[in-house]
Amino acid sequence: DKGVEIGAHTLSGNVFETRALDELFPDWKEMGAPLDTPVVDDRFYWLPNGKWSVPIPGFLLHFVPEMNQKGNYVISLGKLCKWLAEQAEEMGVEVYPGFAADKPLFGEQGELIGVQLSDVGIGKDGQKKDSFEPGMQLLGRQTILAEGCRGSLSEQIMEHYNLRADSCPQHYGLGIK
């Protein structure tokens, strides 16, 4: 994580469905996971213009079960990421906050073998300062990219392996709470 601490750059709120967390940590409530605000009601409105809001009757939402959030939690993703990092470290995972990965590193057969961190000691003009140090290379048998769907490393990986060939473009939705 390039943030000073894990979760520092994960600013988004979220409506969180706990199925994966239930499988990973069945006792996450007792462990103190930061899921404190359960969703107790769903309300949806159509906003046709700046003056009107039209409530959508709840029974219509049964046709789209993904819109039913009751039983999920409204959370801070930053707090959840920090908590998950703490759990991983307790299991022996090495977590390095405060360093931005700059580029993927590939082996002789084209396999991903690690990442190179960003160079440090570069001035605003792009020139190397006296304090310049090249980015460290972190190598491993497994490299897990967890930077979001359009992170800079993910983009480089998709281009390197041509992962977007014959694929549909990504779709995004916008929610307002």
N, C-alpha and C. Protein backbone atom coordinates (compact mmCIF):
# COMPACT_ATOMS: atom_id res chain seq x y z
N ASP A 1 0.85 -1.18 0.00
CA ASP A 1 0.00 0.00 0.00
C ASP A 1 0.89 1.23 0.00
N LYS A 2 0.60 2.14 -0.93
CA LYS A 2 1.44 3.34 -1.00
C LYS A 2 1.13 4.33 0.10
N GLY A 3 0.04 4.14 0.82
CA GLY A 3 -0.29 5.02 1.94
C GLY A 3 0.64 4.77 3.12
N VAL A 4 0.72 5.75 4.00
CA VAL A 4 1.56 5.63 5.19
C VAL A 4 1.16 4.42 6.02
N GLU A 5 -0.13 4.13 6.06
CA GLU A 5 -0.61 2.92 6.72
C GLU A 5 -1.65 2.27 5.82
N ILE A 6 -1.87 1.00 6.01
CA ILE A 6 -2.84 0.27 5.20
C ILE A 6 -4.21 0.92 5.36
N GLY A 7 -4.86 1.17 4.24
CA GLY A 7 -6.18 1.78 4.24
C GLY A 7 -6.16 3.29 4.07
N ALA A 8 -4.98 3.91 4.13
CA ALA A 8 -4.91 5.37 4.03
C ALA A 8 -5.39 5.89 2.68
N HIS A 9 -5.25 5.09 1.63
CA HIS A 9 -5.71 5.51 0.31
C HIS A 9 -7.02 4.85 -0.08
N THR A 10 -7.63 4.16 0.85
CA THR A 10 -8.91 3.50 0.60
C THR A 10 -9.97 4.32 1.32
N LEU A 11 -10.42 5.38 0.67
CA LEU A 11 -11.27 6.36 1.33
C LEU A 11 -12.75 6.07 1.19
N SER A 12 -13.12 5.16 0.34
CA SER A 12 -14.51 4.96 0.02
C SER A 12 -15.30 4.28 1.12
N GLY A 13 -16.56 4.66 1.20
CA GLY A 13 -17.50 3.91 2.01
C GLY A 13 -18.04 2.78 1.16
N ASN A 14 -18.80 1.90 1.77
CA ASN A 14 -19.21 0.71 1.06
C ASN A 14 -20.40 0.08 1.76
N VAL A 15 -21.26 -0.55 0.98
CA VAL A 15 -22.25 -1.45 1.55
C VAL A 15 -21.66 -2.84 1.36
N PHE A 16 -21.33 -3.49 2.46
CA PHE A 16 -20.51 -4.69 2.45
C PHE A 16 -21.34 -5.93 2.73
N GLU A 17 -21.29 -6.89 1.83
CA GLU A 17 -21.94 -8.18 2.00
C GLU A 17 -20.89 -9.13 2.58
N THR A 18 -21.18 -9.79 3.66
CA THR A 18 -20.16 -10.45 4.48
C THR A 18 -19.82 -11.89 4.08
N ARG A 19 -20.35 -12.42 3.00
CA ARG A 19 -20.15 -13.83 2.68
C ARG A 19 -18.66 -14.23 2.65
N ALA A 20 -17.82 -13.46 1.96
CA ALA A 20 -16.39 -13.81 1.89
C ALA A 20 -15.73 -13.69 3.26
N LEU A 21 -16.09 -12.67 4.02
CA LEU A 21 -15.52 -12.50 5.36
C LEU A 21 -15.97 -13.63 6.27
N ASP A 22 -17.22 -14.09 6.12
CA ASP A 22 -17.72 -15.23 6.90
C ASP A 22 -16.89 -16.48 6.64
N GLU A 23 -16.48 -16.68 5.38
CA GLU A 23 -15.69 -17.85 5.03
C GLU A 23 -14.25 -17.72 5.53
N LEU A 24 -13.70 -16.52 5.45
CA LEU A 24 -12.31 -16.30 5.84
C LEU A 24 -12.13 -16.26 7.36
N PHE A 25 -13.02 -15.54 8.02
CA PHE A 25 -12.98 -15.39 9.48
C PHE A 25 -14.39 -15.59 10.03
N PRO A 26 -14.81 -16.85 10.27
CA PRO A 26 -16.17 -17.09 10.74
C PRO A 26 -16.52 -16.32 12.02
N ASP A 27 -15.52 -16.02 12.84
CA ASP A 27 -15.78 -15.30 14.09
C ASP A 27 -15.35 -13.83 14.00
N TRP A 28 -15.54 -13.21 12.83
CA TRP A 28 -15.09 -11.83 12.61
C TRP A 28 -15.73 -10.85 13.58
N LYS A 29 -16.94 -11.11 14.02
CA LYS A 29 -17.57 -10.19 14.99
C LYS A 29 -16.80 -10.20 16.31
N GLU A 30 -16.48 -11.39 16.80
CA GLU A 30 -15.73 -11.51 18.05
C GLU A 30 -14.30 -10.98 17.90
N MET A 31 -13.78 -11.03 16.68
CA MET A 31 -12.41 -10.57 16.43
C MET A 31 -12.32 -9.05 16.34
N GLY A 32 -13.47 -8.38 16.31
CA GLY A 32 -13.46 -6.92 16.28
C GLY A 32 -13.41 -6.30 14.90
N ALA A 33 -13.88 -7.01 13.88
CA ALA A 33 -13.91 -6.42 12.53
C ALA A 33 -14.75 -5.14 12.56
N PRO A 34 -14.31 -4.12 11.84
CA PRO A 34 -14.99 -2.81 11.91
C PRO A 34 -16.26 -2.75 11.05
N LEU A 35 -17.20 -3.62 11.35
CA LEU A 35 -18.51 -3.62 10.70
C LEU A 35 -19.53 -3.32 11.78
N ASP A 36 -19.86 -2.05 11.92
CA ASP A 36 -20.66 -1.61 13.06
C ASP A 36 -22.06 -1.13 12.70
N THR A 37 -22.32 -0.91 11.41
CA THR A 37 -23.59 -0.30 11.03
C THR A 37 -24.35 -1.21 10.08
N PRO A 38 -25.24 -2.05 10.61
CA PRO A 38 -26.01 -2.93 9.72
C PRO A 38 -27.07 -2.15 8.93
N VAL A 39 -27.30 -2.59 7.71
CA VAL A 39 -28.38 -2.02 6.90
C VAL A 39 -29.69 -2.63 7.41
N VAL A 40 -30.62 -1.79 7.80
CA VAL A 40 -31.89 -2.28 8.35
C VAL A 40 -33.07 -1.96 7.43
N ASP A 41 -32.84 -1.15 6.40
CA ASP A 41 -33.94 -0.76 5.53
C ASP A 41 -33.37 -0.34 4.18
N ASP A 42 -34.12 -0.60 3.11
CA ASP A 42 -33.74 -0.17 1.76
C ASP A 42 -34.80 0.78 1.24
N ARG A 43 -34.35 1.89 0.68
CA ARG A 43 -35.27 2.82 0.02
C ARG A 43 -34.60 3.30 -1.25
N PHE A 44 -35.36 3.27 -2.33
CA PHE A 44 -34.83 3.70 -3.62
C PHE A 44 -35.77 4.74 -4.22
N TYR A 45 -35.14 5.71 -4.86
CA TYR A 45 -35.89 6.81 -5.47
C TYR A 45 -35.41 7.02 -6.90
N TRP A 46 -36.36 7.33 -7.77
CA TRP A 46 -36.04 7.76 -9.12
C TRP A 46 -35.98 9.28 -9.07
N LEU A 47 -34.88 9.85 -9.57
CA LEU A 47 -34.69 11.30 -9.55
C LEU A 47 -34.76 11.82 -10.98
N PRO A 48 -35.97 12.11 -11.47
CA PRO A 48 -36.11 12.50 -12.88
C PRO A 48 -35.56 13.89 -13.19
N ASN A 49 -35.47 14.75 -12.19
CA ASN A 49 -34.95 16.10 -12.41
C ASN A 49 -34.54 16.67 -11.06
N GLY A 50 -34.23 17.95 -11.02
CA GLY A 50 -33.78 18.58 -9.79
C GLY A 50 -34.87 18.91 -8.81
N LYS A 51 -36.14 18.66 -9.17
CA LYS A 51 -37.26 19.04 -8.30
C LYS A 51 -37.99 17.84 -7.68
N TRP A 52 -37.98 16.72 -8.35
CA TRP A 52 -38.82 15.61 -7.94
C TRP A 52 -38.01 14.38 -7.56
N SER A 53 -38.54 13.65 -6.60
CA SER A 53 -38.03 12.32 -6.29
C SER A 53 -39.23 11.40 -6.17
N VAL A 54 -39.15 10.28 -6.86
CA VAL A 54 -40.27 9.34 -6.90
C VAL A 54 -39.83 8.05 -6.20
N PRO A 55 -40.48 7.70 -5.07
CA PRO A 55 -40.09 6.46 -4.39
C PRO A 55 -40.44 5.24 -5.24
N ILE A 56 -39.55 4.28 -5.23
CA ILE A 56 -39.80 3.01 -5.93
C ILE A 56 -40.31 2.03 -4.88
N PRO A 57 -41.48 1.45 -5.11
CA PRO A 57 -42.04 0.52 -4.11
C PRO A 57 -41.11 -0.66 -3.84
N GLY A 58 -41.00 -1.01 -2.57
CA GLY A 58 -40.09 -2.07 -2.15
C GLY A 58 -40.33 -3.41 -2.81
N PHE A 59 -41.60 -3.74 -3.11
CA PHE A 59 -41.86 -5.05 -3.70
C PHE A 59 -41.23 -5.18 -5.08
N LEU A 60 -41.00 -4.08 -5.78
CA LEU A 60 -40.36 -4.14 -7.09
C LEU A 60 -38.89 -4.56 -6.99
N LEU A 61 -38.29 -4.30 -5.84
CA LEU A 61 -36.88 -4.65 -5.66
C LEU A 61 -36.66 -6.15 -5.56
N HIS A 62 -37.72 -6.91 -5.31
CA HIS A 62 -37.58 -8.37 -5.26
C HIS A 62 -37.21 -8.93 -6.62
N PHE A 63 -37.49 -8.17 -7.68
CA PHE A 63 -37.11 -8.61 -9.03
C PHE A 63 -35.61 -8.44 -9.27
N VAL A 64 -34.96 -7.64 -8.46
CA VAL A 64 -33.52 -7.41 -8.55
C VAL A 64 -32.93 -7.64 -7.15
N PRO A 65 -32.65 -8.89 -6.78
CA PRO A 65 -32.20 -9.18 -5.42
C PRO A 65 -30.91 -8.46 -5.03
N GLU A 66 -30.08 -8.10 -6.00
CA GLU A 66 -28.84 -7.39 -5.69
C GLU A 66 -29.11 -6.01 -5.08
N MET A 67 -30.30 -5.48 -5.27
CA MET A 67 -30.64 -4.17 -4.73
C MET A 67 -31.07 -4.24 -3.27
N ASN A 68 -31.31 -5.44 -2.77
CA ASN A 68 -31.71 -5.60 -1.37
C ASN A 68 -30.44 -5.67 -0.51
N GLN A 69 -30.21 -4.66 0.30
CA GLN A 69 -29.00 -4.59 1.11
C GLN A 69 -29.22 -4.94 2.58
N LYS A 70 -30.47 -5.23 2.94
CA LYS A 70 -30.76 -5.57 4.33
C LYS A 70 -29.93 -6.77 4.75
N GLY A 71 -29.27 -6.66 5.91
CA GLY A 71 -28.39 -7.71 6.40
C GLY A 71 -26.93 -7.45 6.08
N ASN A 72 -26.66 -6.50 5.19
CA ASN A 72 -25.29 -6.10 4.90
C ASN A 72 -24.89 -4.98 5.87
N TYR A 73 -23.70 -4.43 5.69
CA TYR A 73 -23.19 -3.41 6.59
C TYR A 73 -22.69 -2.21 5.80
N VAL A 74 -22.92 -1.01 6.32
CA VAL A 74 -22.32 0.20 5.78
C VAL A 74 -21.00 0.38 6.51
N ILE A 75 -19.91 0.41 5.74
CA ILE A 75 -18.58 0.39 6.36
C ILE A 75 -17.65 1.42 5.74
N SER A 76 -16.52 1.61 6.39
CA SER A 76 -15.37 2.33 5.84
C SER A 76 -14.42 1.27 5.28
N LEU A 77 -14.17 1.32 3.98
CA LEU A 77 -13.23 0.36 3.40
C LEU A 77 -11.82 0.54 3.96
N GLY A 78 -11.45 1.77 4.27
CA GLY A 78 -10.14 2.03 4.85
C GLY A 78 -9.95 1.29 6.16
N LYS A 79 -10.97 1.37 7.02
CA LYS A 79 -10.88 0.68 8.31
C LYS A 79 -10.86 -0.84 8.13
N LEU A 80 -11.66 -1.34 7.18
CA LEU A 80 -11.67 -2.79 6.94
C LEU A 80 -10.31 -3.25 6.40
N CYS A 81 -9.73 -2.49 5.47
CA CYS A 81 -8.42 -2.86 4.93
C CYS A 81 -7.36 -2.89 6.02
N LYS A 82 -7.39 -1.90 6.90
CA LYS A 82 -6.43 -1.86 8.01
C LYS A 82 -6.61 -3.09 8.91
N TRP A 83 -7.85 -3.43 9.23
CA TRP A 83 -8.12 -4.58 10.07
C TRP A 83 -7.67 -5.88 9.39
N LEU A 84 -7.94 -6.01 8.08
CA LEU A 84 -7.53 -7.21 7.35
C LEU A 84 -6.01 -7.33 7.30
N ALA A 85 -5.32 -6.20 7.15
CA ALA A 85 -3.85 -6.23 7.16
C ALA A 85 -3.33 -6.71 8.51
N GLU A 86 -3.96 -6.27 9.59
CA GLU A 86 -3.56 -6.73 10.93
C GLU A 86 -3.74 -8.24 11.06
N GLN A 87 -4.84 -8.75 10.53
CA GLN A 87 -5.08 -10.20 10.60
C GLN A 87 -4.03 -10.94 9.77
N ALA A 88 -3.71 -10.42 8.60
CA ALA A 88 -2.72 -11.06 7.73
C ALA A 88 -1.35 -11.08 8.41
N GLU A 89 -0.97 -9.97 9.03
CA GLU A 89 0.33 -9.91 9.70
C GLU A 89 0.40 -10.91 10.86
N GLU A 90 -0.71 -11.09 11.57
CA GLU A 90 -0.73 -12.08 12.65
C GLU A 90 -0.53 -13.50 12.13
N MET A 91 -0.85 -13.71 10.84
CA MET A 91 -0.67 -15.03 10.21
C MET A 91 0.70 -15.17 9.56
N GLY A 92 1.51 -14.12 9.65
CA GLY A 92 2.86 -14.20 9.09
C GLY A 92 3.04 -13.56 7.73
N VAL A 93 2.02 -12.90 7.20
CA VAL A 93 2.14 -12.21 5.91
C VAL A 93 2.92 -10.92 6.13
N GLU A 94 3.85 -10.64 5.22
CA GLU A 94 4.60 -9.39 5.29
C GLU A 94 3.84 -8.32 4.52
N VAL A 95 3.53 -7.23 5.19
CA VAL A 95 2.79 -6.11 4.59
C VAL A 95 3.70 -4.89 4.66
N TYR A 96 3.86 -4.21 3.52
CA TYR A 96 4.77 -3.07 3.43
C TYR A 96 4.02 -1.80 3.08
N PRO A 97 3.46 -1.09 4.05
CA PRO A 97 2.82 0.19 3.72
C PRO A 97 3.88 1.27 3.48
N GLY A 98 3.48 2.32 2.79
CA GLY A 98 4.36 3.46 2.57
C GLY A 98 5.22 3.37 1.33
N PHE A 99 5.03 2.34 0.52
CA PHE A 99 5.82 2.18 -0.69
C PHE A 99 4.89 2.00 -1.88
N ALA A 100 5.12 2.77 -2.92
CA ALA A 100 4.30 2.65 -4.13
C ALA A 100 5.01 1.75 -5.13
N ALA A 101 4.32 0.73 -5.60
CA ALA A 101 4.87 -0.13 -6.64
C ALA A 101 4.80 0.63 -7.96
N ASP A 102 5.86 0.54 -8.76
CA ASP A 102 5.96 1.32 -9.99
C ASP A 102 5.72 0.49 -11.23
N LYS A 103 6.27 -0.74 -11.24
CA LYS A 103 6.10 -1.55 -12.44
C LYS A 103 6.21 -3.03 -12.09
N PRO A 104 5.55 -3.86 -12.90
CA PRO A 104 5.67 -5.31 -12.69
C PRO A 104 7.01 -5.80 -13.22
N LEU A 105 7.49 -6.89 -12.64
CA LEU A 105 8.74 -7.52 -13.09
C LEU A 105 8.40 -8.90 -13.63
N PHE A 106 8.98 -9.22 -14.78
CA PHE A 106 8.68 -10.47 -15.46
C PHE A 106 9.92 -11.34 -15.54
N GLY A 107 9.72 -12.66 -15.44
CA GLY A 107 10.80 -13.63 -15.54
C GLY A 107 11.13 -13.96 -16.99
N GLU A 108 12.03 -14.90 -17.17
CA GLU A 108 12.50 -15.27 -18.50
C GLU A 108 11.41 -15.85 -19.39
N GLN A 109 10.44 -16.54 -18.79
CA GLN A 109 9.34 -17.10 -19.57
C GLN A 109 8.14 -16.16 -19.65
N GLY A 110 8.31 -14.93 -19.19
CA GLY A 110 7.23 -13.95 -19.24
C GLY A 110 6.32 -13.97 -18.04
N GLU A 111 6.64 -14.78 -17.04
CA GLU A 111 5.81 -14.88 -15.84
C GLU A 111 6.06 -13.69 -14.93
N LEU A 112 5.04 -13.30 -14.19
CA LEU A 112 5.17 -12.22 -13.21
C LEU A 112 5.95 -12.74 -12.02
N ILE A 113 7.06 -12.07 -11.67
CA ILE A 113 7.90 -12.54 -10.57
C ILE A 113 7.97 -11.55 -9.42
N GLY A 114 7.36 -10.37 -9.58
CA GLY A 114 7.39 -9.39 -8.50
C GLY A 114 7.08 -8.00 -9.02
N VAL A 115 7.41 -7.02 -8.20
CA VAL A 115 7.19 -5.62 -8.57
C VAL A 115 8.41 -4.80 -8.19
N GLN A 116 8.57 -3.71 -8.91
CA GLN A 116 9.61 -2.75 -8.55
C GLN A 116 8.94 -1.53 -7.94
N LEU A 117 9.47 -1.10 -6.80
CA LEU A 117 8.93 0.09 -6.15
C LEU A 117 9.40 1.34 -6.88
N SER A 118 8.74 2.44 -6.62
CA SER A 118 9.09 3.71 -7.25
C SER A 118 10.46 4.18 -6.78
N ASP A 119 11.16 4.84 -7.69
CA ASP A 119 12.43 5.48 -7.33
C ASP A 119 12.14 6.60 -6.34
N VAL A 120 13.09 6.88 -5.46
CA VAL A 120 12.96 8.00 -4.53
C VAL A 120 14.13 8.95 -4.76
N GLY A 121 13.95 10.20 -4.34
CA GLY A 121 15.00 11.19 -4.50
C GLY A 121 15.02 11.82 -5.88
N ILE A 122 13.84 12.04 -6.44
CA ILE A 122 13.72 12.69 -7.74
C ILE A 122 13.07 14.05 -7.51
N GLY A 123 13.68 15.09 -8.04
CA GLY A 123 13.18 16.44 -7.84
C GLY A 123 11.93 16.71 -8.66
N LYS A 124 11.29 17.85 -8.38
CA LYS A 124 10.09 18.24 -9.11
C LYS A 124 10.34 18.40 -10.60
N ASP A 125 11.60 18.71 -10.94
CA ASP A 125 11.96 18.88 -12.34
C ASP A 125 12.24 17.54 -13.03
N GLY A 126 12.12 16.43 -12.29
CA GLY A 126 12.35 15.11 -12.86
C GLY A 126 13.80 14.65 -12.82
N GLN A 127 14.68 15.48 -12.30
CA GLN A 127 16.11 15.14 -12.23
C GLN A 127 16.41 14.42 -10.91
N LYS A 128 17.41 13.55 -10.98
CA LYS A 128 17.83 12.83 -9.77
C LYS A 128 18.54 13.78 -8.82
N LYS A 129 18.14 13.72 -7.55
CA LYS A 129 18.80 14.52 -6.52
C LYS A 129 19.93 13.68 -5.89
N ASP A 130 20.69 14.31 -5.01
CA ASP A 130 21.77 13.59 -4.32
C ASP A 130 21.23 12.41 -3.50
N SER A 131 19.98 12.51 -3.10
CA SER A 131 19.37 11.46 -2.27
C SER A 131 18.72 10.35 -3.10
N PHE A 132 18.95 10.34 -4.42
CA PHE A 132 18.31 9.36 -5.31
C PHE A 132 18.65 7.93 -4.91
N GLU A 133 17.63 7.09 -4.92
CA GLU A 133 17.80 5.64 -4.77
C GLU A 133 16.83 4.96 -5.72
N PRO A 134 17.31 4.00 -6.50
CA PRO A 134 16.39 3.28 -7.39
C PRO A 134 15.39 2.47 -6.59
N GLY A 135 14.23 2.26 -7.16
CA GLY A 135 13.19 1.48 -6.49
C GLY A 135 13.64 0.06 -6.22
N MET A 136 13.33 -0.41 -5.04
CA MET A 136 13.67 -1.77 -4.63
C MET A 136 12.80 -2.77 -5.41
N GLN A 137 13.35 -3.92 -5.70
CA GLN A 137 12.60 -4.98 -6.36
C GLN A 137 12.14 -5.99 -5.31
N LEU A 138 10.84 -6.21 -5.26
CA LEU A 138 10.26 -7.21 -4.37
C LEU A 138 9.89 -8.41 -5.23
N LEU A 139 10.55 -9.53 -4.99
CA LEU A 139 10.34 -10.74 -5.77
C LEU A 139 9.69 -11.81 -4.91
N GLY A 140 8.89 -12.65 -5.53
CA GLY A 140 8.25 -13.71 -4.77
C GLY A 140 7.69 -14.78 -5.68
N ARG A 141 7.39 -15.94 -5.09
CA ARG A 141 6.77 -17.02 -5.86
C ARG A 141 5.37 -16.63 -6.29
N GLN A 142 4.71 -15.80 -5.49
CA GLN A 142 3.38 -15.31 -5.83
C GLN A 142 3.39 -13.80 -5.68
N THR A 143 2.79 -13.13 -6.63
CA THR A 143 2.62 -11.68 -6.57
C THR A 143 1.14 -11.40 -6.67
N ILE A 144 0.60 -10.78 -5.65
CA ILE A 144 -0.84 -10.49 -5.62
C ILE A 144 -1.02 -8.99 -5.80
N LEU A 145 -1.72 -8.61 -6.84
CA LEU A 145 -2.02 -7.20 -7.08
C LEU A 145 -3.39 -6.91 -6.50
N ALA A 146 -3.45 -6.00 -5.56
CA ALA A 146 -4.71 -5.66 -4.90
C ALA A 146 -4.89 -4.15 -4.93
N GLU A 147 -4.83 -3.60 -6.14
CA GLU A 147 -4.86 -2.15 -6.27
C GLU A 147 -6.13 -1.65 -6.95
N GLY A 148 -7.12 -2.50 -7.08
CA GLY A 148 -8.35 -2.09 -7.74
C GLY A 148 -8.34 -2.49 -9.20
N CYS A 149 -9.50 -2.33 -9.81
CA CYS A 149 -9.68 -2.85 -11.17
C CYS A 149 -8.92 -2.06 -12.22
N ARG A 150 -8.57 -0.83 -11.95
CA ARG A 150 -7.88 -0.03 -12.96
C ARG A 150 -6.59 0.57 -12.41
N GLY A 151 -5.91 -0.14 -11.53
CA GLY A 151 -4.66 0.34 -10.98
C GLY A 151 -3.57 0.34 -12.04
N SER A 152 -2.51 1.10 -11.80
CA SER A 152 -1.45 1.24 -12.81
C SER A 152 -0.75 -0.08 -13.09
N LEU A 153 -0.49 -0.90 -12.06
CA LEU A 153 0.13 -2.20 -12.31
C LEU A 153 -0.82 -3.14 -13.04
N SER A 154 -2.08 -3.12 -12.63
CA SER A 154 -3.07 -3.97 -13.30
C SER A 154 -3.16 -3.62 -14.77
N GLU A 155 -3.13 -2.34 -15.09
CA GLU A 155 -3.18 -1.91 -16.49
C GLU A 155 -1.98 -2.46 -17.26
N GLN A 156 -0.78 -2.39 -16.65
CA GLN A 156 0.42 -2.90 -17.31
C GLN A 156 0.35 -4.41 -17.50
N ILE A 157 -0.18 -5.11 -16.51
CA ILE A 157 -0.33 -6.57 -16.61
C ILE A 157 -1.31 -6.92 -17.73
N MET A 158 -2.44 -6.21 -17.78
CA MET A 158 -3.44 -6.48 -18.82
C MET A 158 -2.85 -6.27 -20.21
N GLU A 159 -2.04 -5.23 -20.35
CA GLU A 159 -1.40 -4.97 -21.65
C GLU A 159 -0.35 -6.04 -21.95
N HIS A 160 0.48 -6.40 -20.99
CA HIS A 160 1.55 -7.38 -21.21
C HIS A 160 1.00 -8.73 -21.66
N TYR A 161 -0.05 -9.18 -21.00
CA TYR A 161 -0.63 -10.50 -21.31
C TYR A 161 -1.80 -10.42 -22.28
N ASN A 162 -2.10 -9.23 -22.78
CA ASN A 162 -3.21 -9.03 -23.73
C ASN A 162 -4.52 -9.57 -23.16
N LEU A 163 -4.79 -9.25 -21.91
CA LEU A 163 -5.95 -9.80 -21.20
C LEU A 163 -7.27 -9.19 -21.65
N ARG A 164 -7.23 -8.10 -22.36
CA ARG A 164 -8.47 -7.48 -22.81
C ARG A 164 -8.90 -7.91 -24.20
N ALA A 165 -8.11 -8.76 -24.82
CA ALA A 165 -8.46 -9.23 -26.16
C ALA A 165 -9.79 -9.99 -26.10
N ASP A 166 -10.66 -9.69 -27.00
CA ASP A 166 -11.95 -10.38 -27.12
C ASP A 166 -12.76 -10.32 -25.82
N SER A 167 -12.66 -9.24 -25.09
CA SER A 167 -13.43 -9.11 -23.86
C SER A 167 -14.36 -7.92 -23.95
N CYS A 168 -15.35 -7.94 -23.11
CA CYS A 168 -16.30 -6.83 -23.05
C CYS A 168 -15.69 -5.71 -22.22
N PRO A 169 -16.02 -4.47 -22.53
CA PRO A 169 -15.51 -3.37 -21.71
C PRO A 169 -16.10 -3.43 -20.30
N GLN A 170 -15.37 -2.88 -19.35
CA GLN A 170 -15.86 -2.87 -17.97
C GLN A 170 -17.01 -1.88 -17.86
N HIS A 171 -17.93 -2.20 -16.96
CA HIS A 171 -19.07 -1.33 -16.69
C HIS A 171 -19.02 -0.88 -15.24
N TYR A 172 -19.44 0.33 -15.00
CA TYR A 172 -19.44 0.87 -13.65
C TYR A 172 -20.81 1.44 -13.34
N GLY A 173 -21.15 1.44 -12.08
CA GLY A 173 -22.39 2.04 -11.62
C GLY A 173 -22.06 3.10 -10.58
N LEU A 174 -22.95 4.04 -10.41
CA LEU A 174 -22.76 5.09 -9.43
C LEU A 174 -23.88 5.03 -8.42
N GLY A 175 -23.53 4.99 -7.16
CA GLY A 175 -24.52 4.99 -6.10
C GLY A 175 -24.34 6.23 -5.24
N ILE A 176 -25.41 6.78 -4.79
CA ILE A 176 -25.37 7.95 -3.93
C ILE A 176 -26.13 7.61 -2.67
N LYS A 177 -25.51 7.94 -1.53
CA LYS A 177 -26.23 7.66 -0.28
C LYS A 177 -26.37 8.96 0.49
